[in-house]
Amino acid sequence: MELREEVRPPGPFRLPRRLGRDGVTRRRGGVIERLLHDEQGEPVAVRVAQRASDSVVFGARARRRESAAHGIARMRFALGVDDDLREFYARFKRDPLIGDSLRRRPWLRVDRRPEPWEALVWSVCEQLIEYERAAAIQGRLVAKLGRRWIGQGAEEWASGLRDLPTAAKVGATAPAMLQSCDLSGGRAIALRRAALEVAGGRVNLHDAEPERGWRRLRAIPGIGAWTVEMLALRGQGRYDQLPAGDLGLLKLVGRILSGGDPQARANEADVRELFAPYGEWAGLAAVHAAGL
């Protein structure tokens, strides 16, 4: 069955023109396409397009109406189409650090993932390496372990698309297999342990109060503050979470504090101090400042 929803964002909005290089999201013409799965593992293919009137149209195809609704809801979250950012604009449009970006790009959003599990996996993959290499690792993980929609309903909408493997699948995968995707040994073990925590229900990534889950993840060697803060910002919609250990932010704040030295690097405490005035908007402010 097919389901359609049309949304008028509460402020300036644009569909992202550039998609990640992990291969899980596809653009055909002006339409973004993505394969997702609901809580029962049912596949749903989602398409998103923006009208000239600025309304955003979501379409989903699935075997059940509930699955289609789930897919649309998760893509609405990922794109931030329902987020009302007018308070953020009003408070900081003249800010010396991010005001210019806000005035030029008021539609800019956090690069969210449709599911928090995806944000967690991708954050582990992106630890301490350049993005191009991380995206290649992500693509290999999806190619080797990811889910496809096979059978009736897959034609046209979902053909060629893949979704991430489940936490249970990753938890049951040998670290050597994960390393074959170019993950380091330590990150492969950390990812598998995190997957076991999620699959076993000890970490609920959809919890309205996720702090307990964050603490459990932080207890895993190889998962630090940056990984959990990226999960919170990109996968749980927490604008207040600042990934202060991000290399782009360390470079940015280093240049500011040094008076322009391109080689300077700040520390995490310096980053948190500089972004403290943005409060509950610190994560979004970092996107405008450093393109997280």
C-alpha atoms as a PDB file:
ATOM      1  CA  MET A   1       0.000   0.000   0.000  1.00  0.00           C
ATOM      2  CA  GLU A   2       1.011   3.626  -0.410  1.00  0.00           C
ATOM      3  CA  LEU A   3       0.681   6.505   2.041  1.00  0.00           C
ATOM      4  CA  ARG A   4       1.174  10.207   1.329  1.00  0.00           C
ATOM      5  CA  GLU A   5       1.635  13.204   3.606  1.00  0.00           C
ATOM      6  CA  GLU A   6       2.215  16.847   2.711  1.00  0.00           C
ATOM      7  CA  VAL A   7       3.939  19.053   5.283  1.00  0.00           C
ATOM      8  CA  ARG A   8       4.408  22.811   5.375  1.00  0.00           C
ATOM      9  CA  PRO A   9       7.511  23.561   7.472  1.00  0.00           C
ATOM     10  CA  PRO A  10       7.136  26.229  10.178  1.00  0.00           C
ATOM     11  CA  GLY A  11      10.062  28.204   8.747  1.00  0.00           C
ATOM     12  CA  PRO A  12      12.619  28.242   5.930  1.00  0.00           C
ATOM     13  CA  PHE A  13      13.390  24.746   4.685  1.00  0.00           C
ATOM     14  CA  ARG A  14      15.219  23.068   1.821  1.00  0.00           C
ATOM     15  CA  LEU A  15      15.766  19.437   1.066  1.00  0.00           C
ATOM     16  CA  PRO A  16      19.498  18.678   1.309  1.00  0.00           C
ATOM     17  CA  ARG A  17      21.178  18.983  -2.046  1.00  0.00           C
ATOM     18  CA  ARG A  18      24.112  16.802  -1.131  1.00  0.00           C
ATOM     19  CA  LEU A  19      23.632  13.366   0.337  1.00  0.00           C
ATOM     20  CA  GLY A  20      26.129  11.354   2.332  1.00  0.00           C
ATOM     21  CA  ARG A  21      28.475   8.962   0.593  1.00  0.00           C
ATOM     22  CA  ASP A  22      27.397   5.921   2.609  1.00  0.00           C
ATOM     23  CA  GLY A  23      25.041   4.844  -0.173  1.00  0.00           C
ATOM     24  CA  VAL A  24      21.882   4.372   1.917  1.00  0.00           C
ATOM     25  CA  THR A  25      20.026   7.407   0.582  1.00  0.00           C
ATOM     26  CA  ARG A  26      19.418   7.991  -3.117  1.00  0.00           C
ATOM     27  CA  ARG A  27      18.393  11.035  -5.124  1.00  0.00           C
ATOM     28  CA  ARG A  28      16.607  10.682  -8.448  1.00  0.00           C
ATOM     29  CA  GLY A  29      15.869  14.038  -9.958  1.00  0.00           C
ATOM     30  CA  GLY A  30      14.563  16.155  -7.107  1.00  0.00           C
ATOM     31  CA  VAL A  31      13.298  13.154  -5.136  1.00  0.00           C
ATOM     32  CA  ILE A  32      15.098  11.649  -2.136  1.00  0.00           C
ATOM     33  CA  GLU A  33      14.584   7.906  -1.673  1.00  0.00           C
ATOM     34  CA  ARG A  34      15.327   5.727   1.319  1.00  0.00           C
ATOM     35  CA  LEU A  35      14.634   2.172   2.490  1.00  0.00           C
ATOM     36  CA  LEU A  36      13.807   1.793   6.192  1.00  0.00           C
ATOM     37  CA  HIS A  37      12.316  -0.871   8.459  1.00  0.00           C
ATOM     38  CA  ASP A  38       9.756  -0.553  11.235  1.00  0.00           C
ATOM     39  CA  GLU A  39       9.988  -2.027  14.747  1.00  0.00           C
ATOM     40  CA  GLN A  40       8.818  -5.414  13.489  1.00  0.00           C
ATOM     41  CA  GLY A  41      11.391  -5.468  10.712  1.00  0.00           C
ATOM     42  CA  GLU A  42       8.883  -4.734   7.954  1.00  0.00           C
ATOM     43  CA  PRO A  43      10.409  -2.822   5.025  1.00  0.00           C
ATOM     44  CA  VAL A  44       9.148   0.573   3.935  1.00  0.00           C
ATOM     45  CA  ALA A  45      10.395   2.646   0.999  1.00  0.00           C
ATOM     46  CA  VAL A  46      10.068   6.417   1.415  1.00  0.00           C
ATOM     47  CA  ARG A  47      10.207   9.179  -1.161  1.00  0.00           C
ATOM     48  CA  VAL A  48      10.488  12.892  -0.362  1.00  0.00           C
ATOM     49  CA  ALA A  49      10.093  15.860  -2.690  1.00  0.00           C
ATOM     50  CA  GLN A  50       9.674  19.617  -2.202  1.00  0.00           C
ATOM     51  CA  ARG A  51       7.095  21.640  -4.091  1.00  0.00           C
ATOM     52  CA  ALA A  52       7.639  25.116  -5.497  1.00  0.00           C
ATOM     53  CA  SER A  53       5.252  26.293  -2.775  1.00  0.00           C
ATOM     54  CA  ASP A  54       7.851  25.050  -0.229  1.00  0.00           C
ATOM     55  CA  SER A  55       5.600  22.307   1.103  1.00  0.00           C
ATOM     56  CA  VAL A  56       7.309  18.922   1.426  1.00  0.00           C
ATOM     57  CA  VAL A  57       5.606  15.776   0.167  1.00  0.00           C
ATOM     58  CA  PHE A  58       6.347  12.395   1.733  1.00  0.00           C
ATOM     59  CA  GLY A  59       5.283   9.153   0.089  1.00  0.00           C
ATOM     60  CA  ALA A  60       5.793   5.667   1.474  1.00  0.00           C
ATOM     61  CA  ARG A  61       5.181   2.178   0.150  1.00  0.00           C
ATOM     62  CA  ALA A  62       4.947  -0.790   2.530  1.00  0.00           C
ATOM     63  CA  ARG A  63       2.941  -3.944   3.099  1.00  0.00           C
ATOM     64  CA  ARG A  64       1.102  -2.363   6.055  1.00  0.00           C
ATOM     65  CA  ARG A  65      -0.214   1.143   6.639  1.00  0.00           C
ATOM     66  CA  GLU A  66       1.527   1.238  10.041  1.00  0.00           C
ATOM     67  CA  SER A  67       4.877   0.500   8.417  1.00  0.00           C
ATOM     68  CA  ALA A  68       4.372   3.246   5.839  1.00  0.00           C
ATOM     69  CA  ALA A  69       3.476   5.725   8.592  1.00  0.00           C
ATOM     70  CA  HIS A  70       6.585   4.715  10.530  1.00  0.00           C
ATOM     71  CA  GLY A  71       8.809   5.345   7.504  1.00  0.00           C
ATOM     72  CA  ILE A  72       7.353   8.786   6.890  1.00  0.00           C
ATOM     73  CA  ALA A  73       7.698   9.725  10.566  1.00  0.00           C
ATOM     74  CA  ARG A  74      11.348   8.718  10.636  1.00  0.00           C
ATOM     75  CA  MET A  75      12.157  10.661   7.466  1.00  0.00           C
ATOM     76  CA  ARG A  76      10.334  13.706   8.801  1.00  0.00           C
ATOM     77  CA  PHE A  77      12.584  13.462  11.852  1.00  0.00           C
ATOM     78  CA  ALA A  78      15.738  12.957   9.775  1.00  0.00           C
ATOM     79  CA  LEU A  79      15.059  16.034   7.653  1.00  0.00           C
ATOM     80  CA  GLY A  80      13.925  18.181  10.584  1.00  0.00           C
ATOM     81  CA  VAL A  81      10.972  19.375   8.524  1.00  0.00           C
ATOM     82  CA  ASP A  82       8.718  19.847  11.574  1.00  0.00           C
ATOM     83  CA  ASP A  83      11.283  21.597  13.771  1.00  0.00           C
ATOM     84  CA  ASP A  84      10.360  25.170  14.644  1.00  0.00           C
ATOM     85  CA  LEU A  85      13.666  27.058  14.704  1.00  0.00           C
ATOM     86  CA  ARG A  86      12.265  30.576  14.799  1.00  0.00           C
ATOM     87  CA  GLU A  87      13.426  31.157  18.370  1.00  0.00           C
ATOM     88  CA  PHE A  88      16.950  30.122  17.387  1.00  0.00           C
ATOM     89  CA  TYR A  89      16.954  32.543  14.436  1.00  0.00           C
ATOM     90  CA  ALA A  90      15.575  35.403  16.496  1.00  0.00           C
ATOM     91  CA  ARG A  91      18.140  34.980  19.267  1.00  0.00           C
ATOM     92  CA  PHE A  92      21.247  34.495  17.166  1.00  0.00           C
ATOM     93  CA  LYS A  93      20.743  36.109  13.737  1.00  0.00           C
ATOM     94  CA  ARG A  94      23.139  38.902  14.767  1.00  0.00           C
ATOM     95  CA  ASP A  95      25.546  36.628  16.613  1.00  0.00           C
ATOM     96  CA  PRO A  96      29.188  37.357  15.674  1.00  0.00           C
ATOM     97  CA  LEU A  97      30.037  33.671  15.192  1.00  0.00           C
ATOM     98  CA  ILE A  98      26.975  32.178  13.485  1.00  0.00           C
ATOM     99  CA  GLY A  99      24.822  35.182  12.561  1.00  0.00           C
ATOM    100  CA  ASP A 100      26.117  35.402   9.001  1.00  0.00           C
ATOM    101  CA  SER A 101      25.440  31.708   8.398  1.00  0.00           C
ATOM    102  CA  LEU A 102      21.944  32.043   9.870  1.00  0.00           C
ATOM    103  CA  ARG A 103      21.087  34.947   7.581  1.00  0.00           C
ATOM    104  CA  ARG A 104      22.489  33.230   4.478  1.00  0.00           C
ATOM    105  CA  ARG A 105      21.265  29.690   5.242  1.00  0.00           C
ATOM    106  CA  PRO A 106      18.226  29.841   7.534  1.00  0.00           C
ATOM    107  CA  TRP A 107      17.132  26.430   6.210  1.00  0.00           C
ATOM    108  CA  LEU A 108      20.269  24.641   7.430  1.00  0.00           C
ATOM    109  CA  ARG A 109      19.583  21.575   9.592  1.00  0.00           C
ATOM    110  CA  VAL A 110      21.554  18.974  11.529  1.00  0.00           C
ATOM    111  CA  ASP A 111      22.499  16.024   9.305  1.00  0.00           C
ATOM    112  CA  ARG A 112      20.264  13.609  11.183  1.00  0.00           C
ATOM    113  CA  ARG A 113      19.850   9.890  10.610  1.00  0.00           C
ATOM    114  CA  PRO A 114      16.343   8.391  10.439  1.00  0.00           C
ATOM    115  CA  GLU A 115      17.042   5.991  13.321  1.00  0.00           C
ATOM    116  CA  PRO A 116      19.231   6.514  16.405  1.00  0.00           C
ATOM    117  CA  TRP A 117      20.790   3.084  15.841  1.00  0.00           C
ATOM    118  CA  GLU A 118      22.076   4.323  12.494  1.00  0.00           C
ATOM    119  CA  ALA A 119      23.501   7.452  14.117  1.00  0.00           C
ATOM    120  CA  LEU A 120      25.310   5.313  16.673  1.00  0.00           C
ATOM    121  CA  VAL A 121      26.808   2.951  14.091  1.00  0.00           C
ATOM    122  CA  TRP A 122      27.895   5.773  11.819  1.00  0.00           C
ATOM    123  CA  SER A 123      29.438   7.695  14.731  1.00  0.00           C
ATOM    124  CA  VAL A 124      31.574   4.684  15.657  1.00  0.00           C
ATOM    125  CA  CYS A 125      32.659   4.385  12.024  1.00  0.00           C
ATOM    126  CA  GLU A 126      33.604   8.073  11.882  1.00  0.00           C
ATOM    127  CA  GLN A 127      35.806   8.120  14.964  1.00  0.00           C
ATOM    128  CA  LEU A 128      39.171   9.787  14.389  1.00  0.00           C
ATOM    129  CA  ILE A 129      39.299   9.336  10.601  1.00  0.00           C
ATOM    130  CA  GLU A 130      38.540  11.469   7.570  1.00  0.00           C
ATOM    131  CA  TYR A 131      34.979  11.385   6.287  1.00  0.00           C
ATOM    132  CA  GLU A 132      35.783   9.796   2.918  1.00  0.00           C
ATOM    133  CA  ARG A 133      37.307   6.752   4.582  1.00  0.00           C
ATOM    134  CA  ALA A 134      34.453   6.532   7.108  1.00  0.00           C
ATOM    135  CA  ALA A 135      31.862   6.651   4.307  1.00  0.00           C
ATOM    136  CA  ALA A 136      33.665   3.824   2.520  1.00  0.00           C
ATOM    137  CA  ILE A 137      33.528   1.735   5.719  1.00  0.00           C
ATOM    138  CA  GLN A 138      29.825   2.484   6.093  1.00  0.00           C
ATOM    139  CA  GLY A 139      29.185   1.476   2.501  1.00  0.00           C
ATOM    140  CA  ARG A 140      30.965  -1.847   3.008  1.00  0.00           C
ATOM    141  CA  LEU A 141      28.985  -2.566   6.174  1.00  0.00           C
ATOM    142  CA  VAL A 142      25.728  -1.983   4.348  1.00  0.00           C
ATOM    143  CA  ALA A 143      26.821  -4.027   1.344  1.00  0.00           C
ATOM    144  CA  LYS A 144      27.880  -7.010   3.470  1.00  0.00           C
ATOM    145  CA  LEU A 145      25.305  -6.969   6.253  1.00  0.00           C
ATOM    146  CA  GLY A 146      22.543  -4.555   5.241  1.00  0.00           C
ATOM    147  CA  ARG A 147      18.897  -5.345   4.580  1.00  0.00           C
ATOM    148  CA  ARG A 148      17.157  -5.255   1.208  1.00  0.00           C
ATOM    149  CA  TRP A 149      13.485  -5.435   0.356  1.00  0.00           C
ATOM    150  CA  ILE A 150      13.134  -8.628  -1.603  1.00  0.00           C
ATOM    151  CA  GLY A 151       9.814  -9.661  -3.098  1.00  0.00           C
ATOM    152  CA  GLN A 152       6.519  -8.022  -3.913  1.00  0.00           C
ATOM    153  CA  GLY A 153       6.466  -4.266  -3.493  1.00  0.00           C
ATOM    154  CA  ALA A 154      10.204  -3.768  -3.961  1.00  0.00           C
ATOM    155  CA  GLU A 155      10.009  -2.987  -7.649  1.00  0.00           C
ATOM    156  CA  GLU A 156      10.756   0.615  -8.634  1.00  0.00           C
ATOM    157  CA  TRP A 157      10.599   2.248  -5.193  1.00  0.00           C
ATOM    158  CA  ALA A 158      13.096   0.091  -3.279  1.00  0.00           C
ATOM    159  CA  SER A 159      15.048  -1.558  -6.076  1.00  0.00           C
ATOM    160  CA  GLY A 160      18.758  -1.145  -5.369  1.00  0.00           C
ATOM    161  CA  LEU A 161      18.245   0.415  -1.936  1.00  0.00           C
ATOM    162  CA  ARG A 162      19.611  -1.050   1.295  1.00  0.00           C
ATOM    163  CA  ASP A 163      19.074  -0.304   4.955  1.00  0.00           C
ATOM    164  CA  LEU A 164      21.504  -0.833   7.813  1.00  0.00           C
ATOM    165  CA  PRO A 165      21.730  -4.226   9.497  1.00  0.00           C
ATOM    166  CA  THR A 166      19.861  -4.593  12.783  1.00  0.00           C
ATOM    167  CA  ALA A 167      21.618  -4.338  16.124  1.00  0.00           C
ATOM    168  CA  ALA A 168      21.023  -8.070  16.583  1.00  0.00           C
ATOM    169  CA  LYS A 169      22.755  -8.764  13.257  1.00  0.00           C
ATOM    170  CA  VAL A 170      25.785  -6.646  14.136  1.00  0.00           C
ATOM    171  CA  GLY A 171      25.924  -8.151  17.633  1.00  0.00           C
ATOM    172  CA  ALA A 172      26.053 -11.634  16.115  1.00  0.00           C
ATOM    173  CA  THR A 173      28.801 -10.684  13.647  1.00  0.00           C
ATOM    174  CA  ALA A 174      32.394 -11.634  14.398  1.00  0.00           C
ATOM    175  CA  PRO A 175      34.704  -8.639  14.931  1.00  0.00           C
ATOM    176  CA  ALA A 176      36.923 -10.004  12.151  1.00  0.00           C
ATOM    177  CA  MET A 177      34.061  -9.528   9.689  1.00  0.00           C
ATOM    178  CA  LEU A 178      33.610  -5.942  10.839  1.00  0.00           C
ATOM    179  CA  GLN A 179      37.350  -5.396  10.514  1.00  0.00           C
ATOM    180  CA  SER A 180      37.162  -6.615   6.916  1.00  0.00           C
ATOM    181  CA  CYS A 181      35.139  -3.463   6.237  1.00  0.00           C
ATOM    182  CA  ASP A 182      38.245  -1.465   7.322  1.00  0.00           C
ATOM    183  CA  LEU A 183      37.129  -0.830  10.900  1.00  0.00           C
ATOM    184  CA  SER A 184      40.019  -0.979  13.330  1.00  0.00           C
ATOM    185  CA  GLY A 185      40.038  -3.891  15.759  1.00  0.00           C
ATOM    186  CA  GLY A 186      39.116  -1.691  18.692  1.00  0.00           C
ATOM    187  CA  ARG A 187      36.233  -0.010  16.915  1.00  0.00           C
ATOM    188  CA  ALA A 188      34.942  -3.343  15.619  1.00  0.00           C
ATOM    189  CA  ILE A 189      34.788  -4.704  19.167  1.00  0.00           C
ATOM    190  CA  ALA A 190      33.217  -1.479  20.472  1.00  0.00           C
ATOM    191  CA  LEU A 191      30.553  -1.535  17.756  1.00  0.00           C
ATOM    192  CA  ARG A 192      29.704  -5.168  18.444  1.00  0.00           C
ATOM    193  CA  ARG A 193      29.432  -4.542  22.194  1.00  0.00           C
ATOM    194  CA  ALA A 194      27.201  -1.517  21.605  1.00  0.00           C
ATOM    195  CA  ALA A 195      25.026  -3.615  19.293  1.00  0.00           C
ATOM    196  CA  LEU A 196      24.636  -6.274  21.974  1.00  0.00           C
ATOM    197  CA  GLU A 197      23.576  -3.619  24.497  1.00  0.00           C
ATOM    198  CA  VAL A 198      20.935  -2.287  22.099  1.00  0.00           C
ATOM    199  CA  ALA A 199      19.735  -5.695  20.898  1.00  0.00           C
ATOM    200  CA  GLY A 200      19.503  -6.943  24.485  1.00  0.00           C
ATOM    201  CA  GLY A 201      17.321  -4.010  25.529  1.00  0.00           C
ATOM    202  CA  ARG A 202      19.838  -2.652  28.023  1.00  0.00           C
ATOM    203  CA  VAL A 203      20.177   0.523  25.954  1.00  0.00           C
ATOM    204  CA  ASN A 204      16.915   1.974  24.630  1.00  0.00           C
ATOM    205  CA  LEU A 205      17.888   4.452  21.933  1.00  0.00           C
ATOM    206  CA  HIS A 206      14.298   5.739  21.702  1.00  0.00           C
ATOM    207  CA  ASP A 207      13.992   6.461  25.428  1.00  0.00           C
ATOM    208  CA  ALA A 208      12.584   9.926  26.147  1.00  0.00           C
ATOM    209  CA  GLU A 209      15.228  10.199  28.877  1.00  0.00           C
ATOM    210  CA  PRO A 210      18.265   8.622  27.214  1.00  0.00           C
ATOM    211  CA  GLU A 211      20.911   9.554  29.770  1.00  0.00           C
ATOM    212  CA  ARG A 212      21.004   6.055  31.298  1.00  0.00           C
ATOM    213  CA  GLY A 213      21.644   4.581  27.871  1.00  0.00           C
ATOM    214  CA  TRP A 214      24.380   7.121  27.228  1.00  0.00           C
ATOM    215  CA  ARG A 215      26.112   6.081  30.454  1.00  0.00           C
ATOM    216  CA  ARG A 216      25.984   2.397  29.476  1.00  0.00           C
ATOM    217  CA  LEU A 217      27.433   3.182  26.073  1.00  0.00           C
ATOM    218  CA  ARG A 218      30.186   5.329  27.606  1.00  0.00           C
ATOM    219  CA  ALA A 219      31.181   2.347  29.744  1.00  0.00           C
ATOM    220  CA  ILE A 220      32.194   0.465  26.586  1.00  0.00           C
ATOM    221  CA  PRO A 221      35.909   0.924  25.824  1.00  0.00           C
ATOM    222  CA  GLY A 222      36.229   2.821  22.562  1.00  0.00           C
ATOM    223  CA  ILE A 223      32.973   4.765  22.926  1.00  0.00           C
ATOM    224  CA  GLY A 224      33.604   8.199  24.329  1.00  0.00           C
ATOM    225  CA  ALA A 225      31.845  11.505  24.714  1.00  0.00           C
ATOM    226  CA  TRP A 226      32.066  12.453  21.023  1.00  0.00           C
ATOM    227  CA  THR A 227      30.377   9.245  19.861  1.00  0.00           C
ATOM    228  CA  VAL A 228      27.508   9.572  22.326  1.00  0.00           C
ATOM    229  CA  GLU A 229      27.059  13.280  21.642  1.00  0.00           C
ATOM    230  CA  MET A 230      26.876  12.592  17.899  1.00  0.00           C
ATOM    231  CA  LEU A 231      24.277   9.900  18.604  1.00  0.00           C
ATOM    232  CA  ALA A 232      22.258  12.401  20.639  1.00  0.00           C
ATOM    233  CA  LEU A 233      22.543  15.219  18.088  1.00  0.00           C
ATOM    234  CA  ARG A 234      22.070  13.221  14.891  1.00  0.00           C
ATOM    235  CA  GLY A 235      19.944  10.339  16.078  1.00  0.00           C
ATOM    236  CA  GLN A 236      17.874  11.584  19.019  1.00  0.00           C
ATOM    237  CA  GLY A 237      17.132  15.168  18.052  1.00  0.00           C
ATOM    238  CA  ARG A 238      19.014  16.738  20.960  1.00  0.00           C
ATOM    239  CA  TYR A 239      20.041  20.213  19.835  1.00  0.00           C
ATOM    240  CA  ASP A 240      21.609  20.819  23.232  1.00  0.00           C
ATOM    241  CA  GLN A 241      24.262  18.147  22.707  1.00  0.00           C
ATOM    242  CA  LEU A 242      27.602  19.473  21.483  1.00  0.00           C
ATOM    243  CA  PRO A 243      30.194  17.013  20.078  1.00  0.00           C
ATOM    244  CA  ALA A 244      33.014  19.106  21.510  1.00  0.00           C
ATOM    245  CA  GLY A 245      35.728  16.646  20.471  1.00  0.00           C
ATOM    246  CA  ASP A 246      34.909  17.048  16.778  1.00  0.00           C
ATOM    247  CA  LEU A 247      38.049  17.931  14.821  1.00  0.00           C
ATOM    248  CA  GLY A 248      36.269  20.688  12.917  1.00  0.00           C
ATOM    249  CA  LEU A 249      35.244  22.367  16.159  1.00  0.00           C
ATOM    250  CA  LEU A 250      38.689  21.940  17.712  1.00  0.00           C
ATOM    251  CA  LYS A 251      40.225  23.633  14.654  1.00  0.00           C
ATOM    252  CA  LEU A 252      37.620  26.398  14.565  1.00  0.00           C
ATOM    253  CA  VAL A 253      37.944  27.316  18.220  1.00  0.00           C
ATOM    254  CA  GLY A 254      41.728  26.993  17.998  1.00  0.00           C
ATOM    255  CA  ARG A 255      41.803  29.589  15.205  1.00  0.00           C
ATOM    256  CA  ILE A 256      39.515  31.912  17.144  1.00  0.00           C
ATOM    257  CA  LEU A 257      41.484  31.710  20.378  1.00  0.00           C
ATOM    258  CA  SER A 258      44.867  32.037  18.631  1.00  0.00           C
ATOM    259  CA  GLY A 259      43.862  35.033  16.578  1.00  0.00           C
ATOM    260  CA  GLY A 260      43.785  33.171  13.291  1.00  0.00           C
ATOM    261  CA  ASP A 261      46.563  30.562  13.425  1.00  0.00           C
ATOM    262  CA  PRO A 262      45.420  27.825  10.966  1.00  0.00           C
ATOM    263  CA  GLN A 263      47.468  25.194  12.804  1.00  0.00           C
ATOM    264  CA  ALA A 264      46.031  25.918  16.262  1.00  0.00           C
ATOM    265  CA  ARG A 265      43.907  23.321  18.042  1.00  0.00           C
ATOM    266  CA  ALA A 266      41.684  23.995  21.040  1.00  0.00           C
ATOM    267  CA  ASN A 267      40.726  21.420  23.649  1.00  0.00           C
ATOM    268  CA  GLU A 268      37.230  20.173  24.406  1.00  0.00           C
ATOM    269  CA  ALA A 269      36.863  22.456  27.420  1.00  0.00           C
ATOM    270  CA  ASP A 270      37.576  25.478  25.213  1.00  0.00           C
ATOM    271  CA  VAL A 271      34.936  24.334  22.710  1.00  0.00           C
ATOM    272  CA  ARG A 272      32.311  23.833  25.398  1.00  0.00           C
ATOM    273  CA  GLU A 273      33.055  27.244  26.901  1.00  0.00           C
ATOM    274  CA  LEU A 274      32.732  29.023  23.541  1.00  0.00           C
ATOM    275  CA  PHE A 275      29.394  27.346  22.740  1.00  0.00           C
ATOM    276  CA  ALA A 276      27.942  27.587  26.260  1.00  0.00           C
ATOM    277  CA  PRO A 277      25.989  30.801  25.453  1.00  0.00           C
ATOM    278  CA  TYR A 278      23.943  28.877  22.858  1.00  0.00           C
ATOM    279  CA  GLY A 279      22.502  26.658  25.593  1.00  0.00           C
ATOM    280  CA  GLU A 280      19.804  24.330  24.288  1.00  0.00           C
ATOM    281  CA  TRP A 281      20.824  25.231  20.706  1.00  0.00           C
ATOM    282  CA  ALA A 282      24.547  24.450  21.048  1.00  0.00           C
ATOM    283  CA  GLY A 283      24.499  21.513  18.625  1.00  0.00           C
ATOM    284  CA  LEU A 284      22.715  23.471  15.880  1.00  0.00           C
ATOM    285  CA  ALA A 285      25.008  26.437  16.472  1.00  0.00           C
ATOM    286  CA  ALA A 286      27.961  24.114  15.866  1.00  0.00           C
ATOM    287  CA  VAL A 287      26.444  23.060  12.540  1.00  0.00           C
ATOM    288  CA  HIS A 288      26.328  26.685  11.440  1.00  0.00           C
ATOM    289  CA  ALA A 289      29.802  27.410  12.793  1.00  0.00           C
ATOM    290  CA  ALA A 290      31.710  24.359  11.592  1.00  0.00           C
ATOM    291  CA  GLY A 291      29.432  22.374   9.277  1.00  0.00           C
ATOM    292  CA  LEU A 292      29.072  19.302  11.503  1.00  0.00           C
END
